[in-house]
Each structure stands twice: as C-alpha cells, then as structure tokens.
C-alpha cells in the first residue's frame, strides 16, 4: 500500500524566528551576518531545498530569538526578499518580507578610498537611490555603488 506522506524537512520550533526563502548561495552569509555562532539557543540551518520562489533556498530556524530592525536591515543588503516568520507556541504569528530601508547606517563600507568614512572613525551612511537596481549613494562623498558589490562593515 502506497501512501502520500508529507514530512517537514526541518523540525518545528516553539518560539523564535524562521528565516525562509534565503537564496541558497547566501544561507551561510546570512548566518554570519546575524552572528548565529554566538547565540546559545538551538539553531537549525538547512540549505539547497527546492523552492518555487528562488530555485534553491536556505532556511534558518532560531529558537527563542527575535531580530532587531538593524539586524534585519543588514540582511536586506545581501538577501532582499527573504521572509521572516515570527513563531509563538508553534504557530506563525507574524510574517515579514525583508525590505531594504531608504537609509543604511553602519552596514556597508564606502568604495571610495578618499571618503571620510574610510579615513576617520565614523559611521557610514548610505541612501538607497534605486531599490530595484539596488543602487546606494554615500551620504558623505556622493559616490554611487551597486548593493550587490558592497563590502559589509
């Protein structure tokens, strides 16, 4: 007798955050940006799952952890459109698609070696000029950069 069984590829969590629809090539970068190696709660990282949305995807489940807006802004630079599911008592209570904010502070480094942010101890500030083309403009030197080619601070 053949039965059609569906199973979860990754175990459910009682409370915490599930980061889903991460492009597979960015899964471990997302883990590093969130500094998951320093978190003491249980963490599950899965990668290369088939996804209709992104082809191959990664998924990260972090028990008893909810991320700040600043942490989420950092994620938008490397993996826009990922989905954060906020879990309470094994149920999704909130679902957010990560969007790039209009301004990024202290997240990416300016590519201009003469920029004051590369020569003085100060926080970088970038304005998002075009979210579709993923273009940033340095607040201090006005140099534009492609968000897909930036270096994180």
N, C-alpha and C. Protein backbone atom coordinates (compact mmCIF):
# COMPACT_ATOMS: atom_id res chain seq x y z
N UNK A 1 0.84 -1.18 0.00
CA UNK A 1 0.00 0.00 0.00
C UNK A 1 0.89 1.25 0.00
N UNK A 2 0.64 2.16 -0.94
CA UNK A 2 1.43 3.38 -1.06
C UNK A 2 0.61 4.53 -0.48
N UNK A 3 1.24 5.29 0.39
CA UNK A 3 0.56 6.46 0.95
C UNK A 3 1.35 7.70 0.57
N UNK A 4 0.64 8.79 0.40
CA UNK A 4 1.27 10.06 0.06
C UNK A 4 1.57 10.78 1.36
N UNK A 5 2.80 10.72 1.80
CA UNK A 5 3.18 11.35 3.06
C UNK A 5 3.97 12.62 2.80
N UNK A 6 3.65 13.61 3.59
CA UNK A 6 4.43 14.84 3.56
C UNK A 6 5.11 14.93 4.91
N UNK A 7 6.36 15.31 4.88
CA UNK A 7 7.07 15.48 6.14
C UNK A 7 7.77 16.81 6.13
N UNK A 8 8.01 17.31 7.30
CA UNK A 8 8.76 18.55 7.42
C UNK A 8 10.22 18.25 7.22
N UNK A 9 10.86 19.10 6.44
CA UNK A 9 12.28 18.90 6.19
C UNK A 9 13.12 19.38 7.37
N UNK A 10 12.57 20.32 8.14
CA UNK A 10 13.27 20.87 9.30
C UNK A 10 12.28 20.91 10.46
N UNK A 11 12.71 20.52 11.64
CA UNK A 11 11.83 20.45 12.81
C UNK A 11 11.22 21.81 13.15
N UNK A 12 10.01 21.77 13.67
CA UNK A 12 9.31 22.99 14.09
C UNK A 12 9.94 23.53 15.36
N UNK A 13 9.78 24.85 15.58
CA UNK A 13 10.24 25.45 16.83
C UNK A 13 9.03 26.00 17.58
N UNK A 14 9.14 26.04 18.91
CA UNK A 14 8.02 26.52 19.72
C UNK A 14 7.92 28.04 19.65
N UNK A 15 9.04 28.73 19.87
CA UNK A 15 9.10 30.19 19.84
C UNK A 15 10.39 30.61 19.16
N UNK A 16 10.33 31.70 18.42
CA UNK A 16 11.55 32.19 17.78
C UNK A 16 11.28 32.72 16.39
N UNK A 17 12.31 32.67 15.56
CA UNK A 17 12.24 33.22 14.21
C UNK A 17 12.68 32.19 13.19
N UNK A 18 11.92 32.09 12.11
CA UNK A 18 12.30 31.26 10.98
C UNK A 18 12.60 32.21 9.82
N UNK A 19 13.81 32.12 9.29
CA UNK A 19 14.20 32.94 8.15
C UNK A 19 14.13 32.02 6.94
N UNK A 20 13.24 32.34 6.02
CA UNK A 20 12.94 31.46 4.90
C UNK A 20 13.18 32.17 3.57
N UNK A 21 13.25 31.38 2.52
CA UNK A 21 13.44 31.88 1.16
C UNK A 21 14.77 32.62 1.00
N UNK A 22 15.79 32.14 1.69
CA UNK A 22 17.14 32.69 1.52
C UNK A 22 17.73 32.05 0.27
N UNK A 23 18.25 32.83 -0.68
CA UNK A 23 18.93 32.18 -1.81
C UNK A 23 20.01 31.25 -1.26
N UNK A 24 20.08 30.03 -1.77
CA UNK A 24 20.98 29.01 -1.21
C UNK A 24 22.42 29.50 -1.11
N UNK A 25 22.86 30.28 -2.05
CA UNK A 25 24.25 30.76 -2.02
C UNK A 25 24.49 31.78 -0.91
N UNK A 26 23.43 32.27 -0.29
CA UNK A 26 23.56 33.30 0.76
C UNK A 26 23.26 32.78 2.16
N UNK A 27 22.90 31.52 2.29
CA UNK A 27 22.46 30.99 3.59
C UNK A 27 23.51 31.18 4.68
N UNK A 28 24.74 30.81 4.40
CA UNK A 28 25.77 30.90 5.44
C UNK A 28 26.24 32.33 5.66
N UNK A 29 26.14 33.17 4.65
CA UNK A 29 26.42 34.59 4.81
C UNK A 29 25.39 35.21 5.76
N UNK A 30 24.12 34.86 5.59
CA UNK A 30 23.07 35.34 6.49
C UNK A 30 23.37 34.89 7.92
N UNK A 31 23.77 33.64 8.10
CA UNK A 31 24.12 33.13 9.43
C UNK A 31 25.27 33.93 10.04
N UNK A 32 26.26 34.28 9.23
CA UNK A 32 27.40 35.06 9.72
C UNK A 32 26.99 36.49 10.07
N UNK A 33 26.18 37.11 9.22
CA UNK A 33 25.74 38.48 9.48
C UNK A 33 24.97 38.56 10.79
N UNK A 34 24.15 37.56 11.05
CA UNK A 34 23.36 37.54 12.29
C UNK A 34 24.17 37.04 13.49
N UNK A 35 25.43 36.67 13.22
CA UNK A 35 26.34 36.17 14.27
C UNK A 35 25.72 35.02 15.04
N UNK A 36 25.14 34.08 14.30
CA UNK A 36 24.47 32.94 14.93
C UNK A 36 25.43 32.05 15.70
N UNK A 37 26.72 32.09 15.35
CA UNK A 37 27.69 31.26 16.07
C UNK A 37 27.82 31.67 17.54
N UNK A 38 27.39 32.88 17.88
CA UNK A 38 27.50 33.32 19.28
C UNK A 38 26.18 33.19 20.05
N UNK A 39 25.15 32.68 19.41
CA UNK A 39 23.85 32.50 20.06
C UNK A 39 23.80 31.14 20.75
N UNK A 40 23.28 31.12 21.96
CA UNK A 40 23.26 29.88 22.73
C UNK A 40 21.99 29.06 22.54
N UNK A 41 20.97 29.64 21.91
CA UNK A 41 19.72 28.92 21.68
C UNK A 41 19.91 27.93 20.53
N UNK A 42 19.04 26.91 20.48
CA UNK A 42 19.12 25.95 19.36
C UNK A 42 18.88 26.65 18.02
N UNK A 43 19.69 26.28 17.04
CA UNK A 43 19.61 26.83 15.68
C UNK A 43 19.63 25.68 14.70
N UNK A 44 18.76 25.76 13.69
CA UNK A 44 18.75 24.79 12.61
C UNK A 44 19.01 25.54 11.31
N UNK A 45 19.99 25.07 10.55
CA UNK A 45 20.29 25.66 9.25
C UNK A 45 20.13 24.57 8.20
N UNK A 46 19.27 24.84 7.23
CA UNK A 46 19.08 23.92 6.11
C UNK A 46 19.40 24.65 4.83
N UNK A 47 19.91 23.94 3.85
CA UNK A 47 20.30 24.60 2.61
C UNK A 47 20.01 23.72 1.41
N UNK A 48 19.84 24.35 0.27
CA UNK A 48 19.60 23.69 -1.02
C UNK A 48 18.27 22.97 -1.12
N UNK A 49 17.27 23.46 -0.41
CA UNK A 49 15.92 22.92 -0.57
C UNK A 49 15.33 23.50 -1.85
N UNK A 50 14.48 22.75 -2.51
CA UNK A 50 13.84 23.22 -3.74
C UNK A 50 12.78 24.26 -3.37
N UNK A 51 12.78 25.36 -4.12
CA UNK A 51 11.84 26.45 -3.87
C UNK A 51 11.30 26.97 -5.19
N UNK A 52 9.99 27.15 -5.25
CA UNK A 52 9.37 27.74 -6.45
C UNK A 52 9.73 29.21 -6.55
N UNK A 53 9.96 29.84 -5.41
CA UNK A 53 10.22 31.28 -5.36
C UNK A 53 11.64 31.65 -5.77
N UNK A 54 12.65 30.90 -5.29
CA UNK A 54 14.04 31.28 -5.54
C UNK A 54 14.89 30.16 -6.15
N UNK A 55 14.27 29.08 -6.59
CA UNK A 55 15.05 27.96 -7.16
C UNK A 55 15.52 27.02 -6.07
N UNK A 56 16.67 27.30 -5.53
CA UNK A 56 17.20 26.58 -4.36
C UNK A 56 17.27 27.57 -3.21
N UNK A 57 16.83 27.12 -2.04
CA UNK A 57 16.77 28.05 -0.91
C UNK A 57 17.41 27.48 0.33
N UNK A 58 17.67 28.40 1.24
CA UNK A 58 18.12 28.04 2.58
C UNK A 58 17.05 28.45 3.56
N UNK A 59 17.09 27.84 4.73
CA UNK A 59 16.16 28.17 5.81
C UNK A 59 16.93 28.11 7.12
N UNK A 60 16.68 29.07 7.99
CA UNK A 60 17.34 29.12 9.29
C UNK A 60 16.25 29.27 10.35
N UNK A 61 16.29 28.40 11.36
CA UNK A 61 15.34 28.47 12.47
C UNK A 61 16.14 28.73 13.75
N UNK A 62 15.74 29.80 14.45
CA UNK A 62 16.43 30.17 15.69
C UNK A 62 15.40 30.20 16.81
N UNK A 63 15.56 29.30 17.77
CA UNK A 63 14.63 29.23 18.90
C UNK A 63 14.83 30.40 19.84
N UNK A 64 13.72 30.92 20.35
CA UNK A 64 13.72 31.96 21.38
C UNK A 64 14.53 33.19 21.03
N UNK A 65 14.56 33.56 19.76
CA UNK A 65 15.30 34.75 19.33
C UNK A 65 14.46 35.53 18.33
N UNK A 66 14.40 36.85 18.53
CA UNK A 66 13.70 37.75 17.63
C UNK A 66 14.71 38.83 17.24
N UNK A 67 14.82 39.12 15.98
CA UNK A 67 15.87 40.00 15.49
C UNK A 67 15.42 41.46 15.47
N UNK A 68 16.41 42.36 15.67
CA UNK A 68 16.14 43.80 15.68
C UNK A 68 15.99 44.32 14.25
N UNK A 69 15.45 45.53 14.14
CA UNK A 69 15.33 46.17 12.83
C UNK A 69 16.70 46.36 12.18
N UNK A 70 17.71 46.67 12.99
CA UNK A 70 19.07 46.87 12.46
C UNK A 70 19.60 45.57 11.88
N UNK A 71 19.38 44.46 12.58
CA UNK A 71 19.83 43.16 12.07
C UNK A 71 19.11 42.80 10.77
N UNK A 72 17.83 43.11 10.71
CA UNK A 72 17.04 42.83 9.52
C UNK A 72 17.50 43.72 8.36
N UNK A 73 17.85 44.98 8.64
CA UNK A 73 18.37 45.88 7.60
C UNK A 73 19.65 45.32 7.01
N UNK A 74 20.52 44.74 7.84
CA UNK A 74 21.76 44.15 7.34
C UNK A 74 21.44 43.01 6.37
N UNK A 75 20.42 42.23 6.69
CA UNK A 75 20.05 41.12 5.81
C UNK A 75 19.57 41.61 4.45
N UNK A 76 18.89 42.74 4.42
CA UNK A 76 18.34 43.24 3.16
C UNK A 76 19.42 43.55 2.14
N UNK A 77 20.62 43.83 2.60
CA UNK A 77 21.72 44.15 1.69
C UNK A 77 22.17 42.90 0.92
N UNK A 78 22.24 41.76 1.61
CA UNK A 78 22.77 40.55 0.97
C UNK A 78 21.69 39.61 0.45
N UNK A 79 20.50 39.68 1.02
CA UNK A 79 19.45 38.74 0.62
C UNK A 79 18.08 39.42 0.71
N UNK A 80 17.79 40.34 -0.23
CA UNK A 80 16.48 41.00 -0.18
C UNK A 80 15.36 40.00 -0.48
N UNK A 81 14.22 40.29 0.04
CA UNK A 81 13.01 39.50 -0.19
C UNK A 81 12.95 38.19 0.60
N UNK A 82 13.88 37.99 1.54
CA UNK A 82 13.73 36.81 2.39
C UNK A 82 12.53 37.04 3.31
N UNK A 83 12.02 35.98 3.87
CA UNK A 83 10.82 36.06 4.70
C UNK A 83 11.17 35.67 6.13
N UNK A 84 10.77 36.51 7.07
CA UNK A 84 10.93 36.20 8.48
C UNK A 84 9.57 35.81 9.03
N UNK A 85 9.52 34.65 9.66
CA UNK A 85 8.30 34.17 10.31
C UNK A 85 8.53 34.23 11.81
N UNK A 86 7.69 34.97 12.51
CA UNK A 86 7.77 35.08 13.96
C UNK A 86 6.88 34.00 14.53
N UNK A 87 7.46 33.11 15.34
CA UNK A 87 6.76 31.94 15.85
C UNK A 87 6.49 32.08 17.35
N UNK A 88 5.25 31.82 17.75
CA UNK A 88 4.85 31.74 19.17
C UNK A 88 4.00 30.48 19.32
N UNK A 89 4.36 29.63 20.26
CA UNK A 89 3.63 28.39 20.52
C UNK A 89 3.40 27.58 19.23
N UNK A 90 4.47 27.40 18.47
CA UNK A 90 4.49 26.60 17.24
C UNK A 90 3.66 27.18 16.09
N UNK A 91 3.16 28.39 16.23
CA UNK A 91 2.35 28.97 15.18
C UNK A 91 2.97 30.27 14.67
N UNK A 92 2.83 30.51 13.38
CA UNK A 92 3.32 31.75 12.78
C UNK A 92 2.38 32.87 13.20
N UNK A 93 2.92 33.81 13.97
CA UNK A 93 2.10 34.93 14.45
C UNK A 93 2.30 36.16 13.58
N UNK A 94 3.44 36.23 12.89
CA UNK A 94 3.71 37.37 12.02
C UNK A 94 4.65 36.92 10.92
N UNK A 95 4.43 37.45 9.74
CA UNK A 95 5.26 37.11 8.58
C UNK A 95 5.71 38.42 7.96
N UNK A 96 7.03 38.59 7.80
CA UNK A 96 7.55 39.83 7.23
C UNK A 96 8.47 39.50 6.06
N UNK A 97 8.31 40.22 4.97
CA UNK A 97 9.27 40.13 3.88
C UNK A 97 10.29 41.23 4.12
N UNK A 98 11.55 40.87 4.12
CA UNK A 98 12.61 41.85 4.39
C UNK A 98 12.70 42.81 3.21
N UNK A 99 12.60 44.08 3.52
CA UNK A 99 12.70 45.13 2.51
C UNK A 99 13.91 46.00 2.85
N UNK A 100 14.56 46.49 1.83
CA UNK A 100 15.69 47.39 2.04
C UNK A 100 15.15 48.74 2.50
N UNK A 101 15.67 49.27 3.62
CA UNK A 101 15.20 50.58 4.07
C UNK A 101 15.74 51.68 3.15
N UNK A 102 15.26 52.91 3.33
CA UNK A 102 15.70 54.02 2.49
C UNK A 102 17.11 54.50 2.85
N UNK A 103 17.54 54.15 4.05
CA UNK A 103 18.86 54.58 4.51
C UNK A 103 19.54 53.42 5.24
N UNK A 104 20.83 53.26 4.99
CA UNK A 104 21.62 52.22 5.66
C UNK A 104 22.71 52.91 6.47
N UNK A 105 22.72 52.67 7.78
CA UNK A 105 23.72 53.29 8.66
C UNK A 105 24.62 52.22 9.25
N UNK A 106 25.92 52.37 9.02
CA UNK A 106 26.90 51.47 9.63
C UNK A 106 26.82 50.04 9.16
N UNK A 107 26.32 49.83 7.95
CA UNK A 107 26.13 48.46 7.45
C UNK A 107 27.12 48.12 6.35
N UNK A 108 27.32 49.07 5.41
CA UNK A 108 28.24 48.81 4.30
C UNK A 108 29.35 49.85 4.29
N UNK A 109 30.46 49.47 3.67
CA UNK A 109 31.64 50.32 3.57
C UNK A 109 31.61 51.06 2.23
N UNK A 110 32.08 52.30 2.23
CA UNK A 110 32.14 53.07 1.00
C UNK A 110 33.31 52.59 0.15
N UNK A 111 33.07 52.46 -1.16
CA UNK A 111 34.10 52.01 -2.09
C UNK A 111 35.13 53.09 -2.42
N UNK A 112 34.83 54.31 -2.07
CA UNK A 112 35.73 55.43 -2.36
C UNK A 112 36.82 55.50 -1.29
N UNK A 113 38.08 55.21 -1.63
CA UNK A 113 39.15 55.24 -0.63
C UNK A 113 39.36 56.62 -0.02
N UNK A 114 38.92 57.69 -0.71
CA UNK A 114 39.08 59.04 -0.19
C UNK A 114 37.91 59.51 0.67
N UNK A 115 36.87 58.69 0.76
CA UNK A 115 35.70 59.05 1.57
C UNK A 115 36.12 59.21 3.03
N UNK A 116 35.54 60.19 3.68
CA UNK A 116 35.87 60.45 5.09
C UNK A 116 35.61 59.24 5.98
N UNK A 117 34.62 58.41 5.60
CA UNK A 117 34.30 57.24 6.43
C UNK A 117 35.41 56.19 6.39
N UNK A 118 36.28 56.25 5.38
CA UNK A 118 37.42 55.33 5.30
C UNK A 118 38.68 55.91 5.91
N UNK A 119 38.61 57.18 6.34
CA UNK A 119 39.79 57.85 6.88
C UNK A 119 39.60 58.41 8.29
N UNK A 120 38.39 58.41 8.75
CA UNK A 120 38.06 58.90 10.10
C UNK A 120 37.17 57.86 10.78
N UNK A 121 37.24 57.79 12.10
CA UNK A 121 36.37 56.83 12.81
C UNK A 121 34.93 57.33 12.90
N UNK A 122 34.18 57.06 11.85
CA UNK A 122 32.79 57.48 11.83
C UNK A 122 31.93 56.46 11.11
N UNK A 123 30.65 56.47 11.41
CA UNK A 123 29.69 55.52 10.84
C UNK A 123 29.36 55.90 9.40
N UNK A 124 29.26 54.88 8.55
CA UNK A 124 28.84 55.13 7.17
C UNK A 124 27.34 55.36 7.12
N UNK A 125 26.94 56.15 6.13
CA UNK A 125 25.52 56.41 5.89
C UNK A 125 25.32 56.36 4.38
N UNK A 126 24.39 55.52 3.94
CA UNK A 126 24.07 55.42 2.53
C UNK A 126 22.58 55.62 2.33
N UNK A 127 22.25 56.32 1.25
CA UNK A 127 20.86 56.49 0.85
C UNK A 127 20.61 55.50 -0.28
N UNK A 128 19.47 54.83 -0.23
CA UNK A 128 19.12 53.89 -1.29
C UNK A 128 18.49 54.72 -2.41
N UNK A 129 19.22 54.82 -3.52
CA UNK A 129 18.79 55.62 -4.66
C UNK A 129 17.73 54.88 -5.47
N UNK A 130 17.95 53.58 -5.68
CA UNK A 130 17.05 52.78 -6.50
C UNK A 130 16.98 51.37 -5.93
N UNK A 131 15.83 51.03 -5.36
CA UNK A 131 15.67 49.71 -4.74
C UNK A 131 15.63 48.59 -5.78
N UNK A 132 15.08 48.86 -6.95
CA UNK A 132 15.01 47.82 -7.99
C UNK A 132 16.39 47.53 -8.56
N UNK A 133 17.15 48.57 -8.85
CA UNK A 133 18.50 48.40 -9.39
C UNK A 133 19.53 48.17 -8.28
N UNK A 134 19.09 48.34 -7.03
CA UNK A 134 19.93 48.12 -5.84
C UNK A 134 21.15 49.04 -5.85
N UNK A 135 20.87 50.35 -5.97
CA UNK A 135 21.92 51.35 -6.01
C UNK A 135 21.91 52.18 -4.74
N UNK A 136 23.11 52.35 -4.16
CA UNK A 136 23.30 53.14 -2.95
C UNK A 136 24.13 54.38 -3.28
N UNK A 137 23.94 55.43 -2.47
CA UNK A 137 24.75 56.64 -2.64
C UNK A 137 25.27 57.05 -1.27
N UNK A 138 26.59 57.23 -1.19
CA UNK A 138 27.22 57.62 0.07
C UNK A 138 26.77 59.04 0.45
N UNK A 139 26.37 59.19 1.68
CA UNK A 139 25.91 60.48 2.19
C UNK A 139 27.04 61.51 2.19
N UNK A 140 28.27 61.07 2.37
CA UNK A 140 29.40 61.99 2.54
C UNK A 140 30.10 62.34 1.23
N UNK A 141 30.33 61.38 0.36
CA UNK A 141 31.11 61.67 -0.87
C UNK A 141 30.28 61.55 -2.14
N UNK A 142 29.01 61.17 -2.02
CA UNK A 142 28.08 61.07 -3.16
C UNK A 142 28.44 59.99 -4.18
N UNK A 143 29.35 59.10 -3.86
CA UNK A 143 29.69 58.00 -4.76
C UNK A 143 28.54 56.99 -4.73
N UNK A 144 28.13 56.54 -5.93
CA UNK A 144 27.10 55.50 -6.02
C UNK A 144 27.76 54.13 -6.12
N UNK A 145 27.13 53.13 -5.54
CA UNK A 145 27.63 51.77 -5.59
C UNK A 145 26.49 50.79 -5.78
N UNK A 146 26.82 49.67 -6.36
CA UNK A 146 25.88 48.59 -6.57
C UNK A 146 25.80 47.79 -5.27
N UNK A 147 24.61 47.63 -4.73
CA UNK A 147 24.44 46.94 -3.45
C UNK A 147 24.94 45.49 -3.51
N UNK A 148 24.93 44.89 -4.70
CA UNK A 148 25.39 43.52 -4.83
C UNK A 148 26.90 43.41 -4.80
N UNK A 149 27.60 44.54 -4.81
CA UNK A 149 29.07 44.52 -4.83
C UNK A 149 29.68 45.23 -3.62
N UNK A 150 28.85 45.56 -2.63
CA UNK A 150 29.36 46.28 -1.46
C UNK A 150 30.07 45.34 -0.50
N UNK A 151 30.87 45.95 0.35
CA UNK A 151 31.54 45.21 1.42
C UNK A 151 30.87 45.61 2.72
N UNK A 152 30.52 44.61 3.52
CA UNK A 152 29.87 44.91 4.80
C UNK A 152 30.90 45.43 5.80
N UNK A 153 30.43 46.31 6.70
CA UNK A 153 31.31 46.86 7.74
C UNK A 153 31.61 45.78 8.75
